Amino acid sequence: MVISLTFAAARSRAHGPTAALWHAVEVHRAPDDLDGACELTVCGVLARVTTERAWPAAGSDVCPACVTQTR
């Protein structure tokens, strides 16, 4: 049996002093089934999944916990 993990990028909302960040969501279904709803991310926050951006996301606005846990 081969197990492969697939991750999608998701954008969280800014909350007070916390900036909006890109997060990773572990995907257990076809990318066509992603509907842009909020999903639980690898680090445990809710964020809106997007198919327009691939994970791993590049930039300074990426969740460090998600990056560490998806390596």
PDB file of N, CA and C in Angstrom:
ATOM      1  N   MET A   1       0.845  -1.161   0.000  1.00  0.00           N
ATOM      2  CA  MET A   1       0.000   0.000   0.000  1.00  0.00           C
ATOM      3  C   MET A   1       0.901   1.238   0.000  1.00  0.00           C
ATOM      4  N   VAL A   2       0.565   2.195  -0.850  1.00  0.00           N
ATOM      5  CA  VAL A   2       1.294   3.452  -0.916  1.00  0.00           C
ATOM      6  C   VAL A   2       0.391   4.555  -0.381  1.00  0.00           C
ATOM      7  N   ILE A   3       0.909   5.309   0.573  1.00  0.00           N
ATOM      8  CA  ILE A   3       0.154   6.417   1.133  1.00  0.00           C
ATOM      9  C   ILE A   3       0.843   7.701   0.713  1.00  0.00           C
ATOM     10  N   SER A   4       0.090   8.572   0.093  1.00  0.00           N
ATOM     11  CA  SER A   4       0.654   9.867  -0.283  1.00  0.00           C
ATOM     12  C   SER A   4      -0.229  10.965   0.291  1.00  0.00           C
ATOM     13  N   LEU A   5       0.406  12.012   0.744  1.00  0.00           N
ATOM     14  CA  LEU A   5      -0.317  13.150   1.291  1.00  0.00           C
ATOM     15  C   LEU A   5      -0.388  14.246   0.247  1.00  0.00           C
ATOM     16  N   THR A   6      -1.545  14.807   0.100  1.00  0.00           N
ATOM     17  CA  THR A   6      -1.745  15.934  -0.791  1.00  0.00           C
ATOM     18  C   THR A   6      -2.220  17.103   0.037  1.00  0.00           C
ATOM     19  N   PHE A   7      -1.636  18.248  -0.230  1.00  0.00           N
ATOM     20  CA  PHE A   7      -1.998  19.449   0.514  1.00  0.00           C
ATOM     21  C   PHE A   7      -2.524  20.507  -0.430  1.00  0.00           C
ATOM     22  N   ALA A   8      -3.496  21.266   0.052  1.00  0.00           N
ATOM     23  CA  ALA A   8      -4.026  22.414  -0.673  1.00  0.00           C
ATOM     24  C   ALA A   8      -3.701  23.661   0.128  1.00  0.00           C
ATOM     25  N   ALA A   9      -3.633  24.787  -0.551  1.00  0.00           N
ATOM     26  CA  ALA A   9      -3.388  26.063   0.129  1.00  0.00           C
ATOM     27  C   ALA A   9      -4.717  26.643   0.597  1.00  0.00           C
ATOM     28  N   ALA A  10      -4.687  27.300   1.743  1.00  0.00           N
ATOM     29  CA  ALA A  10      -5.886  27.929   2.297  1.00  0.00           C
ATOM     30  C   ALA A  10      -5.488  29.253   2.931  1.00  0.00           C
ATOM     31  N   ARG A  11      -6.345  30.235   2.802  1.00  0.00           N
ATOM     32  CA  ARG A  11      -6.060  31.576   3.329  1.00  0.00           C
ATOM     33  C   ARG A  11      -6.913  31.825   4.564  1.00  0.00           C
ATOM     34  N   SER A  12      -6.251  32.169   5.677  1.00  0.00           N
ATOM     35  CA  SER A  12      -6.982  32.511   6.892  1.00  0.00           C
ATOM     36  C   SER A  12      -7.369  33.975   6.865  1.00  0.00           C
ATOM     37  N   ARG A  13      -8.262  34.352   7.747  1.00  0.00           N
ATOM     38  CA  ARG A  13      -8.668  35.750   7.870  1.00  0.00           C
ATOM     39  C   ARG A  13      -7.782  36.435   8.893  1.00  0.00           C
ATOM     40  N   ALA A  14      -7.579  37.720   8.695  1.00  0.00           N
ATOM     41  CA  ALA A  14      -6.837  38.499   9.686  1.00  0.00           C
ATOM     42  C   ALA A  14      -7.719  38.695  10.915  1.00  0.00           C
ATOM     43  N   HIS A  15      -7.127  38.565  12.090  1.00  0.00           N
ATOM     44  CA  HIS A  15      -7.851  38.762  13.347  1.00  0.00           C
ATOM     45  C   HIS A  15      -7.046  39.707  14.226  1.00  0.00           C
ATOM     46  N   GLY A  16      -7.526  40.931  14.372  1.00  0.00           N
ATOM     47  CA  GLY A  16      -6.818  41.913  15.195  1.00  0.00           C
ATOM     48  C   GLY A  16      -5.397  42.109  14.704  1.00  0.00           C
ATOM     49  N   PRO A  17      -4.408  41.873  15.580  1.00  0.00           N
ATOM     50  CA  PRO A  17      -3.019  42.075  15.175  1.00  0.00           C
ATOM     51  C   PRO A  17      -2.449  40.917  14.350  1.00  0.00           C
ATOM     52  N   THR A  18      -3.223  39.843  14.199  1.00  0.00           N
ATOM     53  CA  THR A  18      -2.753  38.680  13.443  1.00  0.00           C
ATOM     54  C   THR A  18      -3.070  38.865  11.965  1.00  0.00           C
ATOM     55  N   ALA A  19      -2.065  38.793  11.135  1.00  0.00           N
ATOM     56  CA  ALA A  19      -2.234  38.955   9.688  1.00  0.00           C
ATOM     57  C   ALA A  19      -2.852  37.699   9.083  1.00  0.00           C
ATOM     58  N   ALA A  20      -3.469  37.869   7.926  1.00  0.00           N
ATOM     59  CA  ALA A  20      -3.968  36.716   7.172  1.00  0.00           C
ATOM     60  C   ALA A  20      -2.764  35.922   6.664  1.00  0.00           C
ATOM     61  N   LEU A  21      -2.809  34.616   6.813  1.00  0.00           N
ATOM     62  CA  LEU A  21      -1.697  33.765   6.397  1.00  0.00           C
ATOM     63  C   LEU A  21      -2.176  32.668   5.457  1.00  0.00           C
ATOM     64  N   TRP A  22      -1.247  32.146   4.668  1.00  0.00           N
ATOM     65  CA  TRP A  22      -1.498  30.952   3.873  1.00  0.00           C
ATOM     66  C   TRP A  22      -1.194  29.743   4.744  1.00  0.00           C
ATOM     67  N   HIS A  23      -2.088  28.757   4.711  1.00  0.00           N
ATOM     68  CA  HIS A  23      -1.958  27.536   5.503  1.00  0.00           C
ATOM     69  C   HIS A  23      -2.072  26.321   4.587  1.00  0.00           C
ATOM     70  N   ALA A  24      -1.716  25.170   5.135  1.00  0.00           N
ATOM     71  CA  ALA A  24      -1.846  23.903   4.415  1.00  0.00           C
ATOM     72  C   ALA A  24      -3.053  23.133   4.941  1.00  0.00           C
ATOM     73  N   VAL A  25      -3.801  22.533   4.014  1.00  0.00           N
ATOM     74  CA  VAL A  25      -4.924  21.665   4.354  1.00  0.00           C
ATOM     75  C   VAL A  25      -4.648  20.303   3.742  1.00  0.00           C
ATOM     76  N   GLU A  26      -4.685  19.257   4.562  1.00  0.00           N
ATOM     77  CA  GLU A  26      -4.515  17.908   4.050  1.00  0.00           C
ATOM     78  C   GLU A  26      -5.789  17.515   3.313  1.00  0.00           C
ATOM     79  N   VAL A  27      -5.635  17.111   2.061  1.00  0.00           N
ATOM     80  CA  VAL A  27      -6.789  16.835   1.204  1.00  0.00           C
ATOM     81  C   VAL A  27      -6.976  15.328   1.065  1.00  0.00           C
ATOM     82  N   HIS A  28      -8.200  14.882   1.321  1.00  0.00           N
ATOM     83  CA  HIS A  28      -8.540  13.457   1.228  1.00  0.00           C
ATOM     84  C   HIS A  28      -9.571  13.209   0.133  1.00  0.00           C
ATOM     85  N   ARG A  29      -9.678  14.131  -0.809  1.00  0.00           N
ATOM     86  CA  ARG A  29     -10.632  13.979  -1.911  1.00  0.00           C
ATOM     87  C   ARG A  29     -10.062  14.650  -3.149  1.00  0.00           C
ATOM     88  N   ALA A  30     -10.734  14.488  -4.246  1.00  0.00           N
ATOM     89  CA  ALA A  30     -10.259  15.054  -5.517  1.00  0.00           C
ATOM     90  C   ALA A  30     -10.270  16.578  -5.458  1.00  0.00           C
ATOM     91  N   PRO A  31      -9.287  17.229  -6.081  1.00  0.00           N
ATOM     92  CA  PRO A  31      -9.262  18.697  -6.097  1.00  0.00           C
ATOM     93  C   PRO A  31     -10.537  19.313  -6.664  1.00  0.00           C
ATOM     94  N   ASP A  32     -11.217  18.621  -7.563  1.00  0.00           N
ATOM     95  CA  ASP A  32     -12.476  19.130  -8.109  1.00  0.00           C
ATOM     96  C   ASP A  32     -13.570  19.223  -7.056  1.00  0.00           C
ATOM     97  N   ASP A  33     -13.426  18.467  -5.967  1.00  0.00           N
ATOM     98  CA  ASP A  33     -14.416  18.479  -4.899  1.00  0.00           C
ATOM     99  C   ASP A  33     -14.193  19.611  -3.894  1.00  0.00           C
ATOM    100  N   LEU A  34     -13.090  20.332  -4.025  1.00  0.00           N
ATOM    101  CA  LEU A  34     -12.842  21.468  -3.143  1.00  0.00           C
ATOM    102  C   LEU A  34     -13.702  22.622  -3.604  1.00  0.00           C
ATOM    103  N   ASP A  35     -14.524  23.134  -2.716  1.00  0.00           N
ATOM    104  CA  ASP A  35     -15.508  24.140  -3.113  1.00  0.00           C
ATOM    105  C   ASP A  35     -15.248  25.517  -2.518  1.00  0.00           C
ATOM    106  N   GLY A  36     -14.064  25.733  -1.966  1.00  0.00           N
ATOM    107  CA  GLY A  36     -13.761  27.032  -1.401  1.00  0.00           C
ATOM    108  C   GLY A  36     -14.296  27.240   0.002  1.00  0.00           C
ATOM    109  N   ALA A  37     -14.770  26.188   0.616  1.00  0.00           N
ATOM    110  CA  ALA A  37     -15.284  26.287   1.984  1.00  0.00           C
ATOM    111  C   ALA A  37     -14.122  26.329   2.970  1.00  0.00           C
ATOM    112  N   CYS A  38     -14.405  26.667   4.188  1.00  0.00           N
ATOM    113  CA  CYS A  38     -13.383  26.662   5.231  1.00  0.00           C
ATOM    114  C   CYS A  38     -13.094  25.218   5.636  1.00  0.00           C
ATOM    115  N   GLU A  39     -11.831  24.949   5.845  1.00  0.00           N
ATOM    116  CA  GLU A  39     -11.371  23.623   6.250  1.00  0.00           C
ATOM    117  C   GLU A  39     -10.426  23.786   7.429  1.00  0.00           C
ATOM    118  N   LEU A  40     -10.252  22.727   8.192  1.00  0.00           N
ATOM    119  CA  LEU A  40      -9.291  22.720   9.282  1.00  0.00           C
ATOM    120  C   LEU A  40      -7.900  22.529   8.697  1.00  0.00           C
ATOM    121  N   THR A  41      -6.979  23.419   9.035  1.00  0.00           N
ATOM    122  CA  THR A  41      -5.635  23.359   8.475  1.00  0.00           C
ATOM    123  C   THR A  41      -4.741  22.432   9.284  1.00  0.00           C
ATOM    124  N   VAL A  42      -3.551  22.190   8.777  1.00  0.00           N
ATOM    125  CA  VAL A  42      -2.587  21.318   9.441  1.00  0.00           C
ATOM    126  C   VAL A  42      -2.255  21.828  10.843  1.00  0.00           C
ATOM    127  N   CYS A  43      -2.199  23.153  11.008  1.00  0.00           N
ATOM    128  CA  CYS A  43      -1.850  23.722  12.318  1.00  0.00           C
ATOM    129  C   CYS A  43      -3.069  23.927  13.217  1.00  0.00           C
ATOM    130  N   GLY A  44      -4.281  23.645  12.717  1.00  0.00           N
ATOM    131  CA  GLY A  44      -5.465  23.677  13.565  1.00  0.00           C
ATOM    132  C   GLY A  44      -6.351  24.901  13.480  1.00  0.00           C
ATOM    133  N   VAL A  45      -6.134  25.776  12.503  1.00  0.00           N
ATOM    134  CA  VAL A  45      -7.035  26.923  12.343  1.00  0.00           C
ATOM    135  C   VAL A  45      -7.984  26.659  11.176  1.00  0.00           C
ATOM    136  N   LEU A  46      -9.049  27.421  11.107  1.00  0.00           N
ATOM    137  CA  LEU A  46      -9.963  27.335   9.974  1.00  0.00           C
ATOM    138  C   LEU A  46      -9.527  28.338   8.912  1.00  0.00           C
ATOM    139  N   ALA A  47      -9.486  27.884   7.671  1.00  0.00           N
ATOM    140  CA  ALA A  47      -9.090  28.761   6.576  1.00  0.00           C
ATOM    141  C   ALA A  47      -9.811  28.329   5.316  1.00  0.00           C
ATOM    142  N   ARG A  48     -10.025  29.277   4.416  1.00  0.00           N
ATOM    143  CA  ARG A  48     -10.744  29.022   3.172  1.00  0.00           C
ATOM    144  C   ARG A  48      -9.793  28.430   2.130  1.00  0.00           C
ATOM    145  N   VAL A  49     -10.117  27.237   1.641  1.00  0.00           N
ATOM    146  CA  VAL A  49      -9.294  26.534   0.660  1.00  0.00           C
ATOM    147  C   VAL A  49      -9.427  27.191  -0.706  1.00  0.00           C
ATOM    148  N   THR A  50      -8.321  27.233  -1.426  1.00  0.00           N
ATOM    149  CA  THR A  50      -8.324  27.746  -2.790  1.00  0.00           C
ATOM    150  C   THR A  50      -7.605  26.766  -3.705  1.00  0.00           C
ATOM    151  N   THR A  51      -8.063  26.662  -4.918  1.00  0.00           N
ATOM    152  CA  THR A  51      -7.360  25.845  -5.912  1.00  0.00           C
ATOM    153  C   THR A  51      -6.527  26.728  -6.824  1.00  0.00           C
ATOM    154  N   GLU A  52      -6.558  28.034  -6.577  1.00  0.00           N
ATOM    155  CA  GLU A  52      -5.803  28.972  -7.408  1.00  0.00           C
ATOM    156  C   GLU A  52      -4.344  29.088  -6.983  1.00  0.00           C
ATOM    157  N   ARG A  53      -4.010  28.612  -5.826  1.00  0.00           N
ATOM    158  CA  ARG A  53      -2.635  28.678  -5.329  1.00  0.00           C
ATOM    159  C   ARG A  53      -2.230  27.307  -4.830  1.00  0.00           C
ATOM    160  N   ALA A  54      -1.041  26.885  -5.180  1.00  0.00           N
ATOM    161  CA  ALA A  54      -0.560  25.555  -4.803  1.00  0.00           C
ATOM    162  C   ALA A  54       0.178  25.611  -3.463  1.00  0.00           C
ATOM    163  N   TRP A  55       0.169  24.497  -2.757  1.00  0.00           N
ATOM    164  CA  TRP A  55       0.976  24.356  -1.563  1.00  0.00           C
ATOM    165  C   TRP A  55       2.196  23.549  -1.927  1.00  0.00           C
ATOM    166  N   PRO A  56       3.393  23.901  -1.511  1.00  0.00           N
ATOM    167  CA  PRO A  56       3.710  24.925  -0.532  1.00  0.00           C
ATOM    168  C   PRO A  56       3.663  26.324  -1.134  1.00  0.00           C
ATOM    169  N   ALA A  57       3.062  27.214  -0.418  1.00  0.00           N
ATOM    170  CA  ALA A  57       2.964  28.606  -0.848  1.00  0.00           C
ATOM    171  C   ALA A  57       4.278  29.314  -0.534  1.00  0.00           C
ATOM    172  N   ALA A  58       4.640  30.235  -1.392  1.00  0.00           N
ATOM    173  CA  ALA A  58       5.868  30.998  -1.183  1.00  0.00           C
ATOM    174  C   ALA A  58       5.510  32.396  -0.700  1.00  0.00           C
ATOM    175  N   GLY A  59       6.389  32.981   0.075  1.00  0.00           N
ATOM    176  CA  GLY A  59       6.172  34.347   0.524  1.00  0.00           C
ATOM    177  C   GLY A  59       6.366  34.480   2.019  1.00  0.00           C
ATOM    178  N   SER A  60       6.231  35.683   2.491  1.00  0.00           N
ATOM    179  CA  SER A  60       6.424  35.938   3.912  1.00  0.00           C
ATOM    180  C   SER A  60       5.139  35.749   4.711  1.00  0.00           C
ATOM    181  N   ASP A  61       4.004  35.571   4.012  1.00  0.00           N
ATOM    182  CA  ASP A  61       2.723  35.438   4.702  1.00  0.00           C
ATOM    183  C   ASP A  61       2.246  33.983   4.751  1.00  0.00           C
ATOM    184  N   VAL A  62       3.195  33.062   5.010  1.00  0.00           N
ATOM    185  CA  VAL A  62       2.911  31.629   5.089  1.00  0.00           C
ATOM    186  C   VAL A  62       3.060  31.183   6.534  1.00  0.00           C
ATOM    187  N   CYS A  63       2.129  30.388   7.002  1.00  0.00           N
ATOM    188  CA  CYS A  63       2.143  29.891   8.378  1.00  0.00           C
ATOM    189  C   CYS A  63       3.386  29.022   8.621  1.00  0.00           C
ATOM    190  N   PRO A  64       4.255  29.414   9.560  1.00  0.00           N
ATOM    191  CA  PRO A  64       5.451  28.630   9.814  1.00  0.00           C
ATOM    192  C   PRO A  64       5.147  27.237  10.371  1.00  0.00           C
ATOM    193  N   ALA A  65       4.078  27.093  11.131  1.00  0.00           N
ATOM    194  CA  ALA A  65       3.721  25.780  11.680  1.00  0.00           C
ATOM    195  C   ALA A  65       3.293  24.824  10.566  1.00  0.00           C
ATOM    196  N   CYS A  66       2.546  25.319   9.579  1.00  0.00           N
ATOM    197  CA  CYS A  66       2.132  24.469   8.462  1.00  0.00           C
ATOM    198  C   CYS A  66       3.344  24.047   7.617  1.00  0.00           C
ATOM    199  N   VAL A  67       4.268  24.973   7.402  1.00  0.00           N
ATOM    200  CA  VAL A  67       5.470  24.650   6.629  1.00  0.00           C
ATOM    201  C   VAL A  67       6.256  23.543   7.326  1.00  0.00           C
ATOM    202  N   THR A  68       6.430  23.676   8.625  1.00  0.00           N
ATOM    203  CA  THR A  68       7.187  22.692   9.387  1.00  0.00           C
ATOM    204  C   THR A  68       6.516  21.328   9.372  1.00  0.00           C
ATOM    205  N   GLN A  69       5.204  21.290   9.501  1.00  0.00           N
ATOM    206  CA  GLN A  69       4.482  20.019   9.596  1.00  0.00           C
ATOM    207  C   GLN A  69       4.269  19.339   8.256  1.00  0.00           C
ATOM    208  N   THR A  70       4.474  20.032   7.146  1.00  0.00           N
ATOM    209  CA  THR A  70       4.270  19.408   5.830  1.00  0.00           C
ATOM    210  C   THR A  70       5.574  19.030   5.150  1.00  0.00           C
ATOM    211  N   ARG A  71       6.666  19.164   5.819  1.00  0.00           N
ATOM    212  CA  ARG A  71       7.962  18.773   5.235  1.00  0.00           C
ATOM    213  C   ARG A  71       8.165  17.300   5.316  1.00  0.00           C
TER     214      ARG A  71
END
